[in-house]
Protein backbone atom coordinates (compact mmCIF):
# COMPACT_ATOMS: atom_id res chain seq x y z
CA MET A 1 0.15 0.07 -0.03
CA LYS A 2 1.42 3.70 -0.79
CA SER A 3 2.07 5.51 1.87
CA THR A 4 0.55 9.28 1.46
CA GLU A 5 1.42 12.50 3.63
CA SER A 6 0.00 13.38 6.82
CA THR A 7 -2.40 15.79 6.87
CA SER A 8 -1.56 19.20 9.36
CA SER A 9 -4.35 18.38 11.61
CA ALA A 10 -3.08 14.53 11.97
CA SER A 11 0.21 15.55 12.10
CA THR A 12 -0.45 18.33 15.25
CA LEU A 13 -2.35 15.46 16.72
CA THR A 14 0.47 13.34 16.95
CA LYS A 15 2.61 16.35 18.28
CA THR A 16 0.23 17.21 20.94
CA ARG A 17 0.65 15.54 24.60
CA PRO A 18 -2.01 12.90 25.70
CA GLU A 19 -3.94 13.92 28.56
CA GLU A 20 -5.33 11.45 31.02
CA PHE A 21 -8.81 12.13 32.04
CA ASP A 22 -11.05 9.82 34.35
CA LEU A 23 -14.61 10.71 32.21
CA LEU A 24 -15.06 11.17 28.76
CA ILE A 25 -18.57 12.99 27.53
CA LEU A 26 -19.78 13.01 24.12
CA GLY A 27 -21.91 15.92 23.12
CA GLY A 28 -22.01 19.26 24.48
CA GLY A 29 -25.22 20.01 25.20
CA THR A 30 -27.31 20.90 28.64
CA GLY A 31 -27.17 17.15 29.93
CA SER A 32 -23.75 16.65 29.29
CA THR A 33 -22.41 19.68 30.36
CA ILE A 34 -24.69 19.56 34.04
CA ALA A 35 -22.80 15.73 33.94
CA ALA A 36 -19.49 16.93 33.48
CA TRP A 37 -20.24 19.84 36.25
CA THR A 38 -21.24 17.54 38.40
CA PHE A 39 -18.47 14.54 38.31
CA ALA A 40 -15.97 17.68 38.43
CA GLY A 41 -17.45 18.51 41.58
CA GLU A 42 -16.87 15.37 42.84
CA GLY A 43 -13.00 15.44 42.22
CA LYS A 44 -13.09 13.49 38.93
CA ARG A 45 -11.25 14.83 35.73
CA VAL A 46 -13.71 15.55 32.97
CA ALA A 47 -13.59 16.16 28.95
CA VAL A 48 -16.37 17.19 27.13
CA VAL A 49 -16.27 16.75 23.34
CA ASP A 50 -18.65 17.58 20.71
CA ARG A 51 -18.06 17.56 16.91
CA LYS A 52 -20.44 21.11 15.69
CA TYR A 53 -23.30 22.63 18.39
CA ILE A 54 -21.92 23.94 21.74
CA GLY A 55 -24.51 23.86 23.98
CA GLY A 56 -26.94 21.30 21.81
CA SER A 57 -29.67 21.68 18.99
CA CYS A 58 -31.62 24.39 21.05
CA PRO A 59 -29.46 27.65 20.04
CA ASN A 60 -28.10 26.04 17.20
CA ILE A 61 -31.17 24.30 14.94
CA ALA A 62 -33.99 23.57 17.16
CA CYS A 63 -35.84 25.83 19.88
CA LEU A 64 -34.27 29.50 18.79
CA PRO A 65 -34.30 29.52 15.29
CA SER A 66 -37.11 27.25 14.56
CA LYS A 67 -39.24 28.99 16.04
CA ASN A 68 -39.09 32.69 14.17
CA ILE A 69 -39.02 30.82 11.06
CA ILE A 70 -41.98 29.03 11.74
CA HIS A 71 -43.97 32.68 12.55
CA SER A 72 -42.48 34.27 9.71
CA ALA A 73 -43.95 31.31 7.33
CA LYS A 74 -47.12 31.64 9.11
CA VAL A 75 -46.85 35.65 7.74
CA VAL A 76 -45.58 34.22 4.74
CA ASP A 77 -49.11 32.48 4.42
CA TYR A 78 -51.48 35.06 5.66
CA PHE A 79 -49.78 37.72 3.24
CA ARG A 80 -50.07 34.97 0.53
CA ARG A 81 -53.88 34.93 1.31
CA SER A 82 -53.98 38.38 1.82
CA GLU A 83 -56.94 39.06 -0.70
CA GLU A 84 -59.22 36.85 1.93
CA PHE A 85 -58.48 39.84 4.61
CA GLY A 86 -59.41 42.61 1.87
CA ILE A 87 -55.47 43.63 0.98
CA ALA A 88 -54.27 43.60 -2.39
CA HIS A 89 -50.70 43.70 -3.40
CA ASP A 90 -49.24 42.90 -7.08
CA GLY A 91 -46.40 40.46 -5.49
CA PHE A 92 -43.82 40.14 -2.62
CA THR A 93 -40.32 37.60 -2.35
CA ILE A 94 -39.45 35.80 0.26
CA GLU A 95 -36.07 35.90 1.79
CA MET A 96 -35.61 33.71 4.88
CA SER A 97 -31.65 33.57 5.45
CA GLY A 98 -31.46 36.16 8.07
CA VAL A 99 -34.46 35.19 9.98
CA GLY A 100 -33.12 31.86 12.06
CA SER A 101 -29.76 33.50 12.42
CA ALA A 102 -28.02 34.55 15.42
CA ASP A 103 -27.63 38.05 13.73
CA ASN A 104 -31.83 38.49 14.15
CA ILE A 105 -31.52 38.29 18.12
CA ALA A 106 -32.15 41.90 19.20
CA ALA A 107 -32.30 41.13 23.18
CA ALA A 108 -32.31 38.37 26.32
CA ALA A 109 -34.57 38.85 29.19
CA LEU A 110 -34.75 35.94 32.36
CA THR A 111 -37.17 36.15 34.76
CA ILE A 112 -35.65 34.00 37.79
CA GLY A 113 -36.58 32.84 41.13
CA GLN A 114 -35.76 30.18 43.45
CA GLN A 115 -37.45 29.59 47.10
CA ARG A 116 -36.90 27.76 49.78
CA THR A 117 -38.57 24.19 50.77
CA ALA A 118 -38.13 21.04 52.95
CA ARG A 119 -36.11 19.58 50.33
CA GLY A 120 -33.55 22.60 49.58
CA ILE A 121 -33.58 25.64 47.25
CA LEU A 122 -35.75 25.16 44.11
CA GLY A 123 -35.32 27.85 41.31
CA GLY A 124 -34.55 28.69 37.77
CA TYR A 125 -35.52 31.14 34.81
CA MET A 126 -37.76 31.82 31.84
CA LEU A 127 -35.84 33.26 29.14
CA LYS A 128 -37.25 35.99 26.66
CA LEU A 129 -35.98 36.36 23.19
CA ASP A 130 -36.35 39.95 21.33
CA ALA A 131 -36.03 39.66 17.54
CA ARG A 132 -35.15 42.50 14.87
CA HIS A 133 -37.50 40.74 12.43
CA GLY A 134 -39.85 37.83 12.12
CA ALA A 135 -41.47 36.58 15.47
CA LYS A 136 -41.19 39.97 17.52
CA SER A 137 -40.59 37.92 20.95
CA LEU A 138 -39.60 34.32 21.84
CA ASN A 139 -41.51 33.54 25.33
CA PRO A 140 -40.57 31.36 26.83
CA ALA A 141 -37.36 30.60 24.37
CA SER A 142 -35.79 28.35 27.22
CA GLU A 143 -36.72 27.66 30.68
CA SER A 144 -34.56 25.33 33.25
CA TYR A 145 -35.43 24.42 36.56
CA PHE A 146 -33.37 23.06 39.85
CA LEU A 147 -33.44 21.72 43.28
CA ASP A 148 -30.41 22.43 45.78
CA HIS A 149 -30.47 20.52 48.53
CA ALA A 150 -28.60 23.06 50.69
CA HIS A 151 -30.56 25.05 53.38
CA ASP A 152 -28.43 28.27 54.13
CA ASN A 153 -29.66 32.13 52.64
CA GLU A 154 -27.52 32.22 49.33
CA PRO A 155 -30.02 34.47 47.07
CA LEU A 156 -28.14 33.95 43.70
CA ARG A 157 -27.96 30.51 43.35
CA ALA A 158 -31.19 30.88 40.19
CA THR A 159 -29.33 33.75 38.93
CA CYS A 160 -25.85 31.50 38.41
CA TRP A 161 -28.36 28.51 37.24
CA ALA A 162 -29.69 31.23 34.48
CA LEU A 163 -26.37 32.63 33.43
CA VAL A 164 -24.77 29.73 33.00
CA HIS A 165 -27.52 28.06 30.54
CA LEU A 166 -27.55 31.53 28.56
CA CYS A 167 -23.70 30.73 27.77
CA TRP A 168 -24.31 27.46 27.14
CA LEU A 169 -27.20 28.81 24.07
CA GLN A 170 -24.25 31.26 23.45
CA LEU A 171 -26.64 34.29 23.95
CA GLN A 172 -23.93 36.14 26.45
CA ARG A 173 -23.12 38.64 23.94
CA TYR A 174 -26.18 40.22 23.62
CA SER A 175 -27.93 42.95 25.60
CA ILE A 176 -28.87 40.90 28.85
CA THR A 177 -31.78 42.23 31.04
CA LEU A 178 -32.44 40.03 35.11
CA TYR A 179 -36.14 40.12 36.35
CA HIS A 180 -35.78 39.35 39.86
CA LEU A 181 -38.74 37.44 41.78
CA ASP A 182 -36.82 37.43 45.10
CA ARG A 183 -35.92 41.16 46.51
CA ALA A 184 -32.58 39.66 48.25
CA ALA A 185 -30.99 38.79 45.11
CA LEU A 186 -31.87 42.11 42.80
CA VAL A 187 -30.12 43.79 45.59
CA ARG A 188 -26.76 41.28 45.54
CA CYS A 189 -27.23 41.45 41.98
CA ALA A 190 -27.26 44.92 41.17
CA ALA A 191 -24.00 45.15 43.95
CA LEU A 192 -22.09 42.44 42.37
CA ILE A 193 -22.25 43.81 38.77
CA ALA A 194 -20.92 47.17 39.77
CA GLN A 195 -18.66 46.11 42.13
CA PRO A 196 -17.35 42.34 41.48
CA ASP A 197 -14.61 42.37 44.05
CA THR A 198 -17.04 42.79 47.01
CA ALA A 199 -18.16 39.11 46.39
CA GLY A 200 -18.49 37.17 49.37
CA SER A 201 -19.16 33.31 48.65
CA ALA A 202 -18.18 30.90 46.33
CA VAL A 203 -21.95 31.72 44.68
CA GLU A 204 -21.56 35.25 44.64
CA ARG A 205 -17.63 34.53 43.02
CA MET A 206 -19.31 32.60 40.36
CA ALA A 207 -21.71 34.96 39.41
CA ALA A 208 -19.68 38.24 38.78
CA ARG A 209 -17.19 36.16 36.97
CA LEU A 210 -20.28 35.18 34.96
CA PHE A 211 -21.21 39.00 34.67
CA GLY A 212 -17.99 39.68 33.67
CA VAL A 213 -18.05 37.98 30.25
CA MET A 214 -21.24 39.98 29.44
CA PRO A 215 -20.74 43.77 27.87
CA GLU A 216 -24.15 44.30 28.62
CA ILE A 217 -26.33 43.45 31.66
CA LYS A 218 -28.79 45.21 33.92
CA ALA A 219 -30.81 43.76 37.02
CA LEU A 220 -34.32 44.85 37.63
CA GLU A 221 -37.03 44.02 39.85
CA CYS A 222 -39.70 41.65 38.23
CA VAL A 223 -43.19 43.70 38.99
CA LYS A 224 -46.53 42.10 39.55
CA GLY A 225 -47.88 41.40 35.73
CA ARG A 226 -47.46 38.62 33.19
CA PHE A 227 -44.66 37.34 33.97
CA PHE A 228 -44.50 37.89 37.35
CA ASP A 229 -47.28 35.55 37.83
CA ARG A 230 -46.22 32.96 35.37
CA ALA A 231 -42.99 32.75 36.99
CA ASN A 232 -44.23 32.59 40.18
CA GLU A 233 -47.25 29.97 39.29
CA LYS A 234 -44.36 27.72 38.03
CA LEU A 235 -42.56 27.84 40.88
CA ASN A 236 -45.42 27.06 42.67
CA GLN A 237 -46.33 24.34 41.04
CA LEU A 238 -42.69 22.48 41.41
CA THR A 239 -42.72 23.00 44.86
CA ARG A 240 -45.45 19.83 44.41
CA PHE A 241 -42.27 18.06 43.39
CA ALA A 242 -44.80 15.83 41.27
CA THR A 243 -42.55 16.39 38.00
CA ASN A 244 -39.14 15.49 36.36
CA GLU A 245 -38.39 18.70 35.54
CA LEU A 246 -36.00 19.50 38.84
CA VAL A 247 -32.53 18.92 37.90
CA PRO A 248 -30.76 17.65 40.92
CA ALA A 249 -28.30 20.64 41.19
CA ASP A 250 -25.07 21.47 43.83
CA LEU A 251 -24.62 25.34 43.04
CA ARG A 252 -21.56 25.37 45.62
CA ALA A 253 -19.73 22.29 43.85
CA MET A 254 -20.55 24.36 40.60
CA ALA A 255 -18.76 27.35 41.76
CA ALA A 256 -15.72 25.99 43.20
CA THR A 257 -15.45 24.01 40.08
CA LEU A 258 -15.57 27.03 38.18
CA SER A 259 -13.45 28.90 40.57
CA GLY A 260 -10.11 27.69 39.06
CA SER A 261 -10.97 28.10 35.60
CA ASP A 262 -11.21 31.85 33.15
CA ALA A 263 -15.18 32.74 32.58
CA ALA A 264 -13.87 33.78 29.67
CA ALA A 265 -14.15 30.27 28.36
CA LEU A 266 -17.89 29.73 28.62
CA SER A 267 -18.17 33.09 26.34
CA GLY A 268 -15.80 32.32 23.85
CA ARG A 269 -14.61 35.93 23.64
CA ASN A 270 -12.02 37.68 25.12
CA GLN A 271 -12.21 39.73 28.53
CA ASN A 272 -12.15 43.07 27.09
CA GLN A 273 -15.51 43.74 27.32
CA PRO A 274 -17.55 47.61 27.49
CA GLU A 275 -18.60 48.93 30.99
CA GLN A 276 -21.83 47.00 32.51
CA SER A 277 -24.43 48.52 32.82
CA VAL A 278 -26.70 48.47 36.09
CA SER A 279 -30.31 48.85 36.99
CA ARG A 280 -30.29 51.29 40.63
């Protein structure tokens, strides 16, 4: 068999120093990342490998882009049938290439809340995305809930949970508004955005590091209304524990795992970010 020259990538691989891991996880979606942090928090050395879609299918080909495309397709269908609604037109063209792209996202908003229960801290978020064209907004574009078997008064567990998922979805570079149901979480969140070096606990340091990779972020109170009612109703429903939506999580262990890493790696961006905005 005739020998062939090695490709540059193959040559690079042969020169790379091998590393040993306790666990190798194939796939970089939400479940894989939670598993990786869980095992890493227990002292294991873990690697996550993904062929293409970092963050999983949701931010790349499923939830986020597809909802905009589906809504835009409905608008096209209405326009084709416009005469049924008394609207006359000479013709139109369809250009869908930018509708489901990340460039169509204008801003992100997270409604965040947590509650103390007999089993620990229960919390989560609902994500709303505003678009430049197509569907005006997607709500909820994503949501996720956790149960941490802790019984302390740390107010920023749900905030960290929400921000980590925002990074998984690769949305950290957009304008972000955090709407807090809990007053204590709002106060600490605003303080850490303004002065990251005031972080006290491991969870607060994790929050401060996550804030640092987001160029435009502000914290506001979630006032009573549609989003407030919806988020409260969801949390109250989850406290009955008759659901499989709750992800077991140890936010302190997660914070400890991240403490030795570079927060900028979560965003894929460097740390030269513009000043952050804070709502007071």
